[in-house]
Amino acid sequence: MPIHISGDEEQLAILEGVQLVTGSMSIVHVEDVCRAEVFVAVNESL
């Protein structure tokens, strides 16, 4: 179930703080990370 931050001022403030400190806001979808890990595991010898 995706987490929606619209209307959640506390969650939005956390993301804005991350952006302020790091200069960027990295947001990825969990399925994309899982696919990347599987790809690396399968193609480890490349």
PDB file of N, CA and C in Angstrom:
ATOM      1  N   MET A   1       0.838  -1.179   0.000  1.00  0.00           N
ATOM      2  CA  MET A   1       0.000   0.000   0.000  1.00  0.00           C
ATOM      3  C   MET A   1       0.884   1.244   0.000  1.00  0.00           C
ATOM      4  N   PRO A   2       0.764   2.115  -0.979  1.00  0.00           N
ATOM      5  CA  PRO A   2       1.607   3.311  -1.031  1.00  0.00           C
ATOM      6  C   PRO A   2       1.269   4.292   0.087  1.00  0.00           C
ATOM      7  N   ILE A   3       2.269   5.026   0.516  1.00  0.00           N
ATOM      8  CA  ILE A   3       2.072   6.051   1.535  1.00  0.00           C
ATOM      9  C   ILE A   3       1.902   7.386   0.824  1.00  0.00           C
ATOM     10  N   HIS A   4       0.792   8.017   1.075  1.00  0.00           N
ATOM     11  CA  HIS A   4       0.519   9.324   0.470  1.00  0.00           C
ATOM     12  C   HIS A   4       0.793  10.400   1.507  1.00  0.00           C
ATOM     13  N   ILE A   5       1.560  11.423   1.133  1.00  0.00           N
ATOM     14  CA  ILE A   5       1.887  12.469   2.086  1.00  0.00           C
ATOM     15  C   ILE A   5       1.019  13.701   1.915  1.00  0.00           C
ATOM     16  N   SER A   6       0.156  13.710   0.903  1.00  0.00           N
ATOM     17  CA  SER A   6      -0.679  14.882   0.702  1.00  0.00           C
ATOM     18  C   SER A   6      -1.568  15.090   1.921  1.00  0.00           C
ATOM     19  N   GLY A   7      -1.485  16.266   2.472  1.00  0.00           N
ATOM     20  CA  GLY A   7      -2.272  16.572   3.659  1.00  0.00           C
ATOM     21  C   GLY A   7      -1.575  16.214   4.955  1.00  0.00           C
ATOM     22  N   ASP A   8      -0.461  15.506   4.897  1.00  0.00           N
ATOM     23  CA  ASP A   8       0.281  15.129   6.101  1.00  0.00           C
ATOM     24  C   ASP A   8       1.467  16.079   6.242  1.00  0.00           C
ATOM     25  N   GLU A   9       1.245  17.141   6.993  1.00  0.00           N
ATOM     26  CA  GLU A   9       2.262  18.190   7.128  1.00  0.00           C
ATOM     27  C   GLU A   9       3.550  17.677   7.764  1.00  0.00           C
ATOM     28  N   GLU A  10       3.454  16.735   8.691  1.00  0.00           N
ATOM     29  CA  GLU A  10       4.653  16.208   9.349  1.00  0.00           C
ATOM     30  C   GLU A  10       5.539  15.456   8.362  1.00  0.00           C
ATOM     31  N   GLN A  11       4.938  14.583   7.546  1.00  0.00           N
ATOM     32  CA  GLN A  11       5.705  13.833   6.557  1.00  0.00           C
ATOM     33  C   GLN A  11       6.301  14.769   5.501  1.00  0.00           C
ATOM     34  N   LEU A  12       5.539  15.762   5.083  1.00  0.00           N
ATOM     35  CA  LEU A  12       6.038  16.723   4.106  1.00  0.00           C
ATOM     36  C   LEU A  12       7.223  17.509   4.673  1.00  0.00           C
ATOM     37  N   ALA A  13       7.140  17.889   5.940  1.00  0.00           N
ATOM     38  CA  ALA A  13       8.236  18.625   6.577  1.00  0.00           C
ATOM     39  C   ALA A  13       9.507  17.778   6.629  1.00  0.00           C
ATOM     40  N   ILE A  14       9.353  16.480   6.874  1.00  0.00           N
ATOM     41  CA  ILE A  14      10.521  15.591   6.895  1.00  0.00           C
ATOM     42  C   ILE A  14      11.182  15.554   5.522  1.00  0.00           C
ATOM     43  N   LEU A  15      10.373  15.384   4.470  1.00  0.00           N
ATOM     44  CA  LEU A  15      10.933  15.355   3.115  1.00  0.00           C
ATOM     45  C   LEU A  15      11.573  16.687   2.737  1.00  0.00           C
ATOM     46  N   GLU A  16      10.957  17.783   3.132  1.00  0.00           N
ATOM     47  CA  GLU A  16      11.552  19.096   2.849  1.00  0.00           C
ATOM     48  C   GLU A  16      12.874  19.262   3.589  1.00  0.00           C
ATOM     49  N   GLY A  17      12.961  18.732   4.817  1.00  0.00           N
ATOM     50  CA  GLY A  17      14.213  18.789   5.574  1.00  0.00           C
ATOM     51  C   GLY A  17      15.310  17.985   4.902  1.00  0.00           C
ATOM     52  N   VAL A  18      14.962  16.814   4.393  1.00  0.00           N
ATOM     53  CA  VAL A  18      15.930  15.991   3.658  1.00  0.00           C
ATOM     54  C   VAL A  18      16.421  16.745   2.430  1.00  0.00           C
ATOM     55  N   GLN A  19      15.508  17.365   1.717  1.00  0.00           N
ATOM     56  CA  GLN A  19      15.881  18.115   0.521  1.00  0.00           C
ATOM     57  C   GLN A  19      16.785  19.286   0.878  1.00  0.00           C
ATOM     58  N   LEU A  20      16.496  19.978   1.957  1.00  0.00           N
ATOM     59  CA  LEU A  20      17.298  21.126   2.375  1.00  0.00           C
ATOM     60  C   LEU A  20      18.717  20.704   2.738  1.00  0.00           C
ATOM     61  N   VAL A  21      18.854  19.599   3.458  1.00  0.00           N
ATOM     62  CA  VAL A  21      20.167  19.148   3.924  1.00  0.00           C
ATOM     63  C   VAL A  21      20.992  18.546   2.791  1.00  0.00           C
ATOM     64  N   THR A  22      20.367  17.743   1.937  1.00  0.00           N
ATOM     65  CA  THR A  22      21.116  17.028   0.904  1.00  0.00           C
ATOM     66  C   THR A  22      21.132  17.732  -0.445  1.00  0.00           C
ATOM     67  N   GLY A  23      20.224  18.668  -0.645  1.00  0.00           N
ATOM     68  CA  GLY A  23      20.146  19.343  -1.934  1.00  0.00           C
ATOM     69  C   GLY A  23      19.318  18.582  -2.953  1.00  0.00           C
ATOM     70  N   SER A  24      18.811  17.416  -2.566  1.00  0.00           N
ATOM     71  CA  SER A  24      17.968  16.638  -3.470  1.00  0.00           C
ATOM     72  C   SER A  24      17.024  15.776  -2.641  1.00  0.00           C
ATOM     73  N   MET A  25      16.053  15.216  -3.321  1.00  0.00           N
ATOM     74  CA  MET A  25      15.112  14.331  -2.649  1.00  0.00           C
ATOM     75  C   MET A  25      15.023  13.053  -3.466  1.00  0.00           C
ATOM     76  N   SER A  26      15.642  12.007  -2.964  1.00  0.00           N
ATOM     77  CA  SER A  26      15.653  10.732  -3.676  1.00  0.00           C
ATOM     78  C   SER A  26      14.453   9.908  -3.261  1.00  0.00           C
ATOM     79  N   ILE A  27      13.583   9.679  -4.203  1.00  0.00           N
ATOM     80  CA  ILE A  27      12.406   8.858  -3.939  1.00  0.00           C
ATOM     81  C   ILE A  27      12.362   7.770  -5.002  1.00  0.00           C
ATOM     82  N   VAL A  28      12.296   6.522  -4.561  1.00  0.00           N
ATOM     83  CA  VAL A  28      12.217   5.389  -5.481  1.00  0.00           C
ATOM     84  C   VAL A  28      11.060   4.499  -5.079  1.00  0.00           C
ATOM     85  N   HIS A  29      10.585   3.748  -6.018  1.00  0.00           N
ATOM     86  CA  HIS A  29       9.519   2.798  -5.742  1.00  0.00           C
ATOM     87  C   HIS A  29      10.148   1.498  -5.275  1.00  0.00           C
ATOM     88  N   VAL A  30       9.554   0.870  -4.292  1.00  0.00           N
ATOM     89  CA  VAL A  30      10.095  -0.360  -3.707  1.00  0.00           C
ATOM     90  C   VAL A  30      10.275  -1.440  -4.768  1.00  0.00           C
ATOM     91  N   GLU A  31       9.329  -1.569  -5.678  1.00  0.00           N
ATOM     92  CA  GLU A  31       9.438  -2.595  -6.725  1.00  0.00           C
ATOM     93  C   GLU A  31      10.651  -2.348  -7.617  1.00  0.00           C
ATOM     94  N   ASP A  32      10.981  -1.079  -7.889  1.00  0.00           N
ATOM     95  CA  ASP A  32      12.164  -0.771  -8.694  1.00  0.00           C
ATOM     96  C   ASP A  32      13.441  -1.203  -7.988  1.00  0.00           C
ATOM     97  N   VAL A  33      13.508  -0.990  -6.691  1.00  0.00           N
ATOM     98  CA  VAL A  33      14.687  -1.404  -5.917  1.00  0.00           C
ATOM     99  C   VAL A  33      14.814  -2.921  -5.927  1.00  0.00           C
ATOM    100  N   CYS A  34      13.702  -3.617  -5.757  1.00  0.00           N
ATOM    101  CA  CYS A  34      13.720  -5.088  -5.770  1.00  0.00           C
ATOM    102  C   CYS A  34      14.172  -5.614  -7.127  1.00  0.00           C
ATOM    103  N   ARG A  35      13.668  -5.031  -8.196  1.00  0.00           N
ATOM    104  CA  ARG A  35      14.073  -5.461  -9.540  1.00  0.00           C
ATOM    105  C   ARG A  35      15.565  -5.223  -9.757  1.00  0.00           C
ATOM    106  N   ALA A  36      16.069  -4.103  -9.259  1.00  0.00           N
ATOM    107  CA  ALA A  36      17.492  -3.804  -9.406  1.00  0.00           C
ATOM    108  C   ALA A  36      18.339  -4.826  -8.643  1.00  0.00           C
ATOM    109  N   GLU A  37      17.903  -5.201  -7.452  1.00  0.00           N
ATOM    110  CA  GLU A  37      18.654  -6.189  -6.674  1.00  0.00           C
ATOM    111  C   GLU A  37      18.665  -7.546  -7.370  1.00  0.00           C
ATOM    112  N   VAL A  38      17.539  -7.932  -7.941  1.00  0.00           N
ATOM    113  CA  VAL A  38      17.475  -9.198  -8.673  1.00  0.00           C
ATOM    114  C   VAL A  38      18.375  -9.135  -9.899  1.00  0.00           C
ATOM    115  N   PHE A  39      18.357  -8.015 -10.608  1.00  0.00           N
ATOM    116  CA  PHE A  39      19.199  -7.855 -11.790  1.00  0.00           C
ATOM    117  C   PHE A  39      20.674  -8.021 -11.431  1.00  0.00           C
ATOM    118  N   VAL A  40      21.088  -7.370 -10.349  1.00  0.00           N
ATOM    119  CA  VAL A  40      22.492  -7.462  -9.918  1.00  0.00           C
ATOM    120  C   VAL A  40      22.839  -8.894  -9.534  1.00  0.00           C
ATOM    121  N   ALA A  41      21.945  -9.567  -8.825  1.00  0.00           N
ATOM    122  CA  ALA A  41      22.207 -10.935  -8.394  1.00  0.00           C
ATOM    123  C   ALA A  41      22.330 -11.872  -9.593  1.00  0.00           C
ATOM    124  N   VAL A  42      21.491 -11.691 -10.599  1.00  0.00           N
ATOM    125  CA  VAL A  42      21.495 -12.561 -11.786  1.00  0.00           C
ATOM    126  C   VAL A  42      22.713 -12.253 -12.661  1.00  0.00           C
ATOM    127  N   ASN A  43      23.088 -10.995 -12.736  1.00  0.00           N
ATOM    128  CA  ASN A  43      24.167 -10.573 -13.632  1.00  0.00           C
ATOM    129  C   ASN A  43      25.455 -10.245 -12.875  1.00  0.00           C
ATOM    130  N   GLU A  44      25.683 -10.931 -11.786  1.00  0.00           N
ATOM    131  CA  GLU A  44      26.839 -10.650 -10.926  1.00  0.00           C
ATOM    132  C   GLU A  44      28.163 -10.778 -11.658  1.00  0.00           C
ATOM    133  N   SER A  45      28.232 -11.625 -12.641  1.00  0.00           N
ATOM    134  CA  SER A  45      29.496 -11.879 -13.330  1.00  0.00           C
ATOM    135  C   SER A  45      29.814 -10.824 -14.400  1.00  0.00           C
ATOM    136  N   LEU A  46      28.916  -9.905 -14.661  1.00  0.00           N
ATOM    137  CA  LEU A  46      29.174  -8.905 -15.712  1.00  0.00           C
ATOM    138  C   LEU A  46      30.192  -7.924 -15.294  1.00  0.00           C
TER     139      LEU A  46
END
